[in-house]
N, C-alpha and C. Protein backbone atom coordinates (compact mmCIF):
# COMPACT_ATOMS: atom_id res chain seq x y z
N MET A 1 -3.23 9.30 19.57
CA MET A 1 -2.21 9.48 20.57
C MET A 1 -1.71 10.93 20.56
N LEU A 2 -1.54 11.47 19.37
CA LEU A 2 -1.06 12.84 19.28
C LEU A 2 -2.10 13.84 19.76
N GLU A 3 -3.38 13.46 19.65
CA GLU A 3 -4.44 14.33 20.15
C GLU A 3 -4.37 14.42 21.66
N LEU A 4 -3.95 13.34 22.30
CA LEU A 4 -3.81 13.35 23.76
C LEU A 4 -2.71 14.30 24.21
N VAL A 5 -1.63 14.38 23.42
CA VAL A 5 -0.56 15.32 23.73
C VAL A 5 -1.11 16.74 23.68
N ASP A 6 -1.88 17.05 22.63
CA ASP A 6 -2.48 18.39 22.51
C ASP A 6 -3.43 18.68 23.67
N GLN A 7 -4.20 17.67 24.06
CA GLN A 7 -5.16 17.84 25.14
C GLN A 7 -4.42 18.09 26.47
N LEU A 8 -3.36 17.34 26.72
CA LEU A 8 -2.58 17.56 27.94
C LEU A 8 -1.97 18.95 27.96
N GLN A 9 -1.45 19.38 26.82
CA GLN A 9 -0.85 20.70 26.76
C GLN A 9 -1.89 21.79 26.98
N GLY A 10 -3.09 21.61 26.45
CA GLY A 10 -4.13 22.61 26.60
C GLY A 10 -4.67 22.71 28.02
N GLU A 11 -4.94 21.56 28.64
CA GLU A 11 -5.54 21.55 29.98
C GLU A 11 -4.53 21.85 31.08
N TRP A 12 -3.35 21.27 31.00
CA TRP A 12 -2.39 21.37 32.09
C TRP A 12 -1.28 22.38 31.83
N LYS A 13 -1.24 22.96 30.65
CA LYS A 13 -0.23 23.96 30.29
C LYS A 13 1.20 23.42 30.52
N ILE A 14 1.47 22.21 29.96
CA ILE A 14 2.79 21.62 30.10
C ILE A 14 3.47 21.58 28.74
N LEU A 15 4.77 21.38 28.77
CA LEU A 15 5.55 21.33 27.55
C LEU A 15 5.30 20.03 26.80
N THR A 16 5.63 20.06 25.51
CA THR A 16 5.45 18.88 24.66
C THR A 16 6.28 17.71 25.18
N ARG A 17 7.50 17.99 25.60
CA ARG A 17 8.39 16.94 26.10
C ARG A 17 7.78 16.25 27.32
N ARG A 18 7.19 17.02 28.21
CA ARG A 18 6.59 16.45 29.42
C ARG A 18 5.34 15.63 29.07
N ALA A 19 4.51 16.16 28.16
CA ALA A 19 3.30 15.44 27.76
C ALA A 19 3.66 14.12 27.08
N CYS A 20 4.70 14.13 26.25
CA CYS A 20 5.13 12.89 25.59
C CYS A 20 5.70 11.90 26.60
N ALA A 21 6.38 12.40 27.62
CA ALA A 21 6.93 11.51 28.65
C ALA A 21 5.80 10.86 29.44
N VAL A 22 4.75 11.61 29.73
CA VAL A 22 3.61 11.07 30.46
C VAL A 22 2.93 9.96 29.65
N LEU A 23 2.79 10.17 28.34
CA LEU A 23 2.14 9.18 27.47
C LEU A 23 3.09 8.10 26.98
N GLN A 24 4.37 8.23 27.35
CA GLN A 24 5.42 7.28 26.98
C GLN A 24 5.56 7.14 25.46
N ILE A 25 5.62 8.27 24.77
CA ILE A 25 5.92 8.28 23.34
C ILE A 25 7.12 9.18 23.12
N ASP A 26 7.80 8.97 22.01
CA ASP A 26 8.98 9.77 21.70
C ASP A 26 8.54 11.14 21.19
N PRO A 27 9.17 12.23 21.64
CA PRO A 27 8.78 13.56 21.16
C PRO A 27 8.95 13.75 19.66
N SER A 28 9.88 13.02 19.05
CA SER A 28 10.08 13.15 17.60
C SER A 28 8.85 12.67 16.84
N LEU A 29 8.09 11.76 17.42
CA LEU A 29 6.85 11.29 16.80
C LEU A 29 5.83 12.42 16.71
N TYR A 30 5.82 13.27 17.71
CA TYR A 30 4.87 14.39 17.73
C TYR A 30 5.24 15.46 16.70
N VAL A 31 6.54 15.64 16.48
CA VAL A 31 7.02 16.72 15.61
C VAL A 31 7.13 16.28 14.16
N TYR A 32 7.15 14.98 13.89
CA TYR A 32 7.44 14.42 12.56
C TYR A 32 6.46 14.92 11.50
N LYS A 33 7.00 15.34 10.39
CA LYS A 33 6.23 15.73 9.21
C LYS A 33 6.74 14.90 8.03
N SER A 34 5.86 14.22 7.34
CA SER A 34 6.25 13.37 6.23
C SER A 34 6.73 14.20 5.05
N LYS A 35 7.77 13.72 4.39
CA LYS A 35 8.32 14.40 3.22
C LYS A 35 7.80 13.79 1.92
N ARG A 36 7.14 12.64 2.03
CA ARG A 36 6.64 11.95 0.86
C ARG A 36 5.40 12.66 0.31
N GLY A 37 5.33 12.76 -0.99
CA GLY A 37 4.17 13.37 -1.64
C GLY A 37 2.98 12.42 -1.65
N THR A 38 1.90 12.85 -2.26
CA THR A 38 0.69 12.03 -2.30
C THR A 38 0.74 10.98 -3.40
N GLN A 39 1.57 11.18 -4.40
CA GLN A 39 1.75 10.25 -5.50
C GLN A 39 0.46 10.02 -6.29
N THR A 40 -0.33 11.05 -6.43
CA THR A 40 -1.57 10.92 -7.18
C THR A 40 -1.30 10.68 -8.66
N GLU A 41 -0.22 11.26 -9.17
CA GLU A 41 0.13 11.07 -10.58
C GLU A 41 0.46 9.61 -10.88
N LEU A 42 1.21 8.98 -9.97
CA LEU A 42 1.55 7.57 -10.13
C LEU A 42 0.29 6.71 -10.06
N THR A 43 -0.58 7.00 -9.11
CA THR A 43 -1.83 6.24 -8.98
C THR A 43 -2.70 6.39 -10.22
N ARG A 44 -2.76 7.60 -10.75
CA ARG A 44 -3.55 7.84 -11.96
C ARG A 44 -2.98 7.07 -13.15
N ARG A 45 -1.64 7.02 -13.25
CA ARG A 45 -1.01 6.29 -14.36
C ARG A 45 -1.24 4.79 -14.23
N ILE A 46 -1.16 4.25 -13.03
CA ILE A 46 -1.43 2.82 -12.82
C ILE A 46 -2.87 2.51 -13.20
N ARG A 47 -3.79 3.39 -12.80
CA ARG A 47 -5.20 3.19 -13.13
C ARG A 47 -5.43 3.23 -14.64
N ASP A 48 -4.73 4.13 -15.34
CA ASP A 48 -4.85 4.22 -16.80
C ASP A 48 -4.35 2.94 -17.47
N ILE A 49 -3.20 2.44 -17.01
CA ILE A 49 -2.64 1.22 -17.60
C ILE A 49 -3.59 0.05 -17.37
N CYS A 50 -4.12 -0.06 -16.16
CA CYS A 50 -5.00 -1.19 -15.83
C CYS A 50 -6.35 -1.08 -16.55
N ALA A 51 -6.76 0.13 -16.91
CA ALA A 51 -8.02 0.28 -17.64
C ALA A 51 -7.87 -0.18 -19.08
N THR A 52 -6.71 0.06 -19.68
CA THR A 52 -6.52 -0.33 -21.07
C THR A 52 -6.05 -1.78 -21.21
N ARG A 53 -5.30 -2.25 -20.24
CA ARG A 53 -4.77 -3.63 -20.28
C ARG A 53 -5.27 -4.37 -19.05
N VAL A 54 -6.42 -4.96 -19.19
CA VAL A 54 -7.15 -5.51 -18.05
C VAL A 54 -6.44 -6.70 -17.41
N ARG A 55 -5.78 -7.51 -18.17
CA ARG A 55 -5.18 -8.73 -17.65
C ARG A 55 -3.77 -8.56 -17.10
N TYR A 56 -3.24 -7.34 -17.08
CA TYR A 56 -1.88 -7.13 -16.60
C TYR A 56 -1.85 -7.10 -15.09
N GLY A 57 -0.84 -7.75 -14.51
CA GLY A 57 -0.62 -7.72 -13.08
C GLY A 57 0.33 -6.59 -12.72
N TYR A 58 0.68 -6.52 -11.44
CA TYR A 58 1.51 -5.41 -10.99
C TYR A 58 2.93 -5.49 -11.56
N ARG A 59 3.42 -6.70 -11.83
CA ARG A 59 4.77 -6.82 -12.38
C ARG A 59 4.84 -6.24 -13.79
N ARG A 60 3.83 -6.54 -14.58
CA ARG A 60 3.80 -6.02 -15.95
C ARG A 60 3.56 -4.51 -15.95
N VAL A 61 2.73 -4.04 -15.03
CA VAL A 61 2.50 -2.60 -14.91
C VAL A 61 3.80 -1.90 -14.53
N HIS A 62 4.60 -2.53 -13.65
CA HIS A 62 5.88 -1.95 -13.26
C HIS A 62 6.81 -1.82 -14.46
N ILE A 63 6.83 -2.83 -15.32
CA ILE A 63 7.68 -2.78 -16.51
C ILE A 63 7.24 -1.64 -17.44
N LEU A 64 5.93 -1.49 -17.62
CA LEU A 64 5.43 -0.40 -18.47
C LEU A 64 5.75 0.96 -17.88
N LEU A 65 5.68 1.09 -16.57
CA LEU A 65 6.02 2.36 -15.93
C LEU A 65 7.52 2.67 -16.08
N GLN A 66 8.35 1.64 -16.00
CA GLN A 66 9.78 1.84 -16.21
C GLN A 66 10.05 2.32 -17.63
N ARG A 67 9.34 1.76 -18.59
CA ARG A 67 9.51 2.19 -19.98
C ARG A 67 9.06 3.64 -20.18
N ASP A 68 8.09 4.08 -19.38
CA ASP A 68 7.62 5.47 -19.47
C ASP A 68 8.55 6.44 -18.76
N GLY A 69 9.53 5.91 -18.00
CA GLY A 69 10.49 6.79 -17.34
C GLY A 69 10.27 6.95 -15.84
N TRP A 70 9.37 6.22 -15.27
CA TRP A 70 9.13 6.27 -13.83
C TRP A 70 10.22 5.45 -13.13
N ALA A 71 10.85 6.02 -12.12
CA ALA A 71 11.85 5.30 -11.32
C ALA A 71 11.18 4.89 -10.01
N VAL A 72 10.41 3.80 -10.06
CA VAL A 72 9.69 3.34 -8.88
C VAL A 72 10.02 1.88 -8.59
N ASN A 73 9.92 1.55 -7.34
CA ASN A 73 10.19 0.20 -6.85
C ASN A 73 8.97 -0.68 -7.11
N PRO A 74 9.17 -1.95 -7.46
CA PRO A 74 8.01 -2.83 -7.70
C PRO A 74 7.14 -3.03 -6.46
N LYS A 75 7.74 -2.90 -5.26
CA LYS A 75 6.95 -3.04 -4.03
C LYS A 75 5.94 -1.89 -3.89
N ARG A 76 6.35 -0.71 -4.33
CA ARG A 76 5.43 0.43 -4.29
C ARG A 76 4.29 0.23 -5.28
N ILE A 77 4.61 -0.31 -6.46
CA ILE A 77 3.58 -0.58 -7.46
C ILE A 77 2.62 -1.62 -6.92
N TYR A 78 3.13 -2.66 -6.27
CA TYR A 78 2.27 -3.71 -5.68
C TYR A 78 1.34 -3.11 -4.64
N ARG A 79 1.87 -2.25 -3.78
CA ARG A 79 1.05 -1.63 -2.73
C ARG A 79 -0.06 -0.77 -3.34
N ARG A 80 0.27 0.05 -4.32
CA ARG A 80 -0.74 0.88 -4.98
C ARG A 80 -1.76 0.02 -5.72
N TYR A 81 -1.28 -1.03 -6.36
CA TYR A 81 -2.14 -1.94 -7.13
C TYR A 81 -3.19 -2.56 -6.22
N LYS A 82 -2.77 -3.00 -5.04
CA LYS A 82 -3.70 -3.60 -4.10
C LYS A 82 -4.65 -2.55 -3.51
N GLU A 83 -4.15 -1.35 -3.23
CA GLU A 83 -5.00 -0.29 -2.69
C GLU A 83 -6.12 0.07 -3.66
N LEU A 84 -5.82 0.00 -4.94
CA LEU A 84 -6.81 0.31 -5.97
C LEU A 84 -7.78 -0.85 -6.20
N GLY A 85 -7.52 -1.98 -5.58
CA GLY A 85 -8.40 -3.14 -5.71
C GLY A 85 -8.29 -3.82 -7.06
N MET A 86 -7.12 -3.82 -7.63
CA MET A 86 -6.94 -4.39 -8.96
C MET A 86 -6.23 -5.73 -8.92
N GLN A 87 -6.37 -6.45 -7.83
CA GLN A 87 -5.72 -7.73 -7.69
C GLN A 87 -6.43 -8.77 -8.55
N LEU A 88 -5.67 -9.48 -9.38
CA LEU A 88 -6.25 -10.53 -10.20
C LEU A 88 -6.48 -11.77 -9.36
N ARG A 89 -7.50 -12.52 -9.69
CA ARG A 89 -7.77 -13.75 -8.94
C ARG A 89 -6.81 -14.83 -9.41
N ASN A 90 -6.51 -15.76 -8.51
CA ASN A 90 -5.65 -16.89 -8.85
C ASN A 90 -6.48 -17.95 -9.56
N LYS A 91 -5.95 -18.47 -10.64
CA LYS A 91 -6.66 -19.50 -11.38
C LYS A 91 -6.46 -20.84 -10.69
N MET A 92 -7.51 -21.64 -10.64
CA MET A 92 -7.43 -22.97 -10.06
C MET A 92 -6.90 -23.93 -11.13
N PRO A 93 -5.94 -24.80 -10.79
CA PRO A 93 -5.43 -25.73 -11.80
C PRO A 93 -6.48 -26.78 -12.13
N THR A 94 -6.55 -27.15 -13.39
CA THR A 94 -7.49 -28.18 -13.82
C THR A 94 -6.81 -29.53 -13.76
N ARG A 95 -7.55 -30.54 -13.40
CA ARG A 95 -6.97 -31.88 -13.30
C ARG A 95 -6.97 -32.53 -14.68
N ALA A 96 -5.92 -33.29 -14.96
CA ALA A 96 -5.80 -33.94 -16.26
C ALA A 96 -6.72 -35.15 -16.36
N ALA A 97 -6.83 -35.92 -15.29
CA ALA A 97 -7.66 -37.11 -15.32
C ALA A 97 -8.72 -37.01 -14.23
N SER A 98 -9.91 -37.46 -14.51
CA SER A 98 -10.97 -37.37 -13.50
C SER A 98 -10.81 -38.49 -12.48
N SER A 99 -11.32 -38.27 -11.31
CA SER A 99 -11.19 -39.28 -10.25
C SER A 99 -12.09 -40.47 -10.52
N ALA A 100 -13.17 -40.29 -11.28
CA ALA A 100 -14.06 -41.39 -11.60
C ALA A 100 -13.34 -42.43 -12.46
N GLY A 101 -12.49 -42.01 -13.33
CA GLY A 101 -11.73 -42.92 -14.17
C GLY A 101 -10.72 -43.72 -13.39
N ARG A 102 -10.20 -43.19 -12.30
CA ARG A 102 -9.23 -43.90 -11.49
C ARG A 102 -9.88 -44.96 -10.58
N ARG A 103 -11.11 -44.73 -10.21
CA ARG A 103 -11.79 -45.69 -9.32
C ARG A 103 -12.09 -47.01 -10.04
N ASP A 104 -12.35 -46.94 -11.34
CA ASP A 104 -12.71 -48.14 -12.10
C ASP A 104 -11.52 -49.07 -12.30
N ALA A 105 -10.33 -48.54 -12.29
CA ALA A 105 -9.17 -49.36 -12.63
C ALA A 105 -8.75 -50.29 -11.51
């Protein structure tokens, strides 16, 4: 969408405000620059923890990061954990009694 604004400005020599109005987007969207960093250090630390402690989920990883001094939200840890593909599989519950035993009774 932002490429279309640039294309309109280049071909038609119009202002950014006019190009955004034509495409029906807010001009602040065109100007916005993210202030958030890449967080590569956090991702590297999560990967290190998961490499040494294979069975830990994102909640346990969050606790370990808190102990190391990281002030991060558990939702951010969950998002990074899933992006890295480190989601543990859900275990299927085992049945206490087999169905064959119930049919005989």
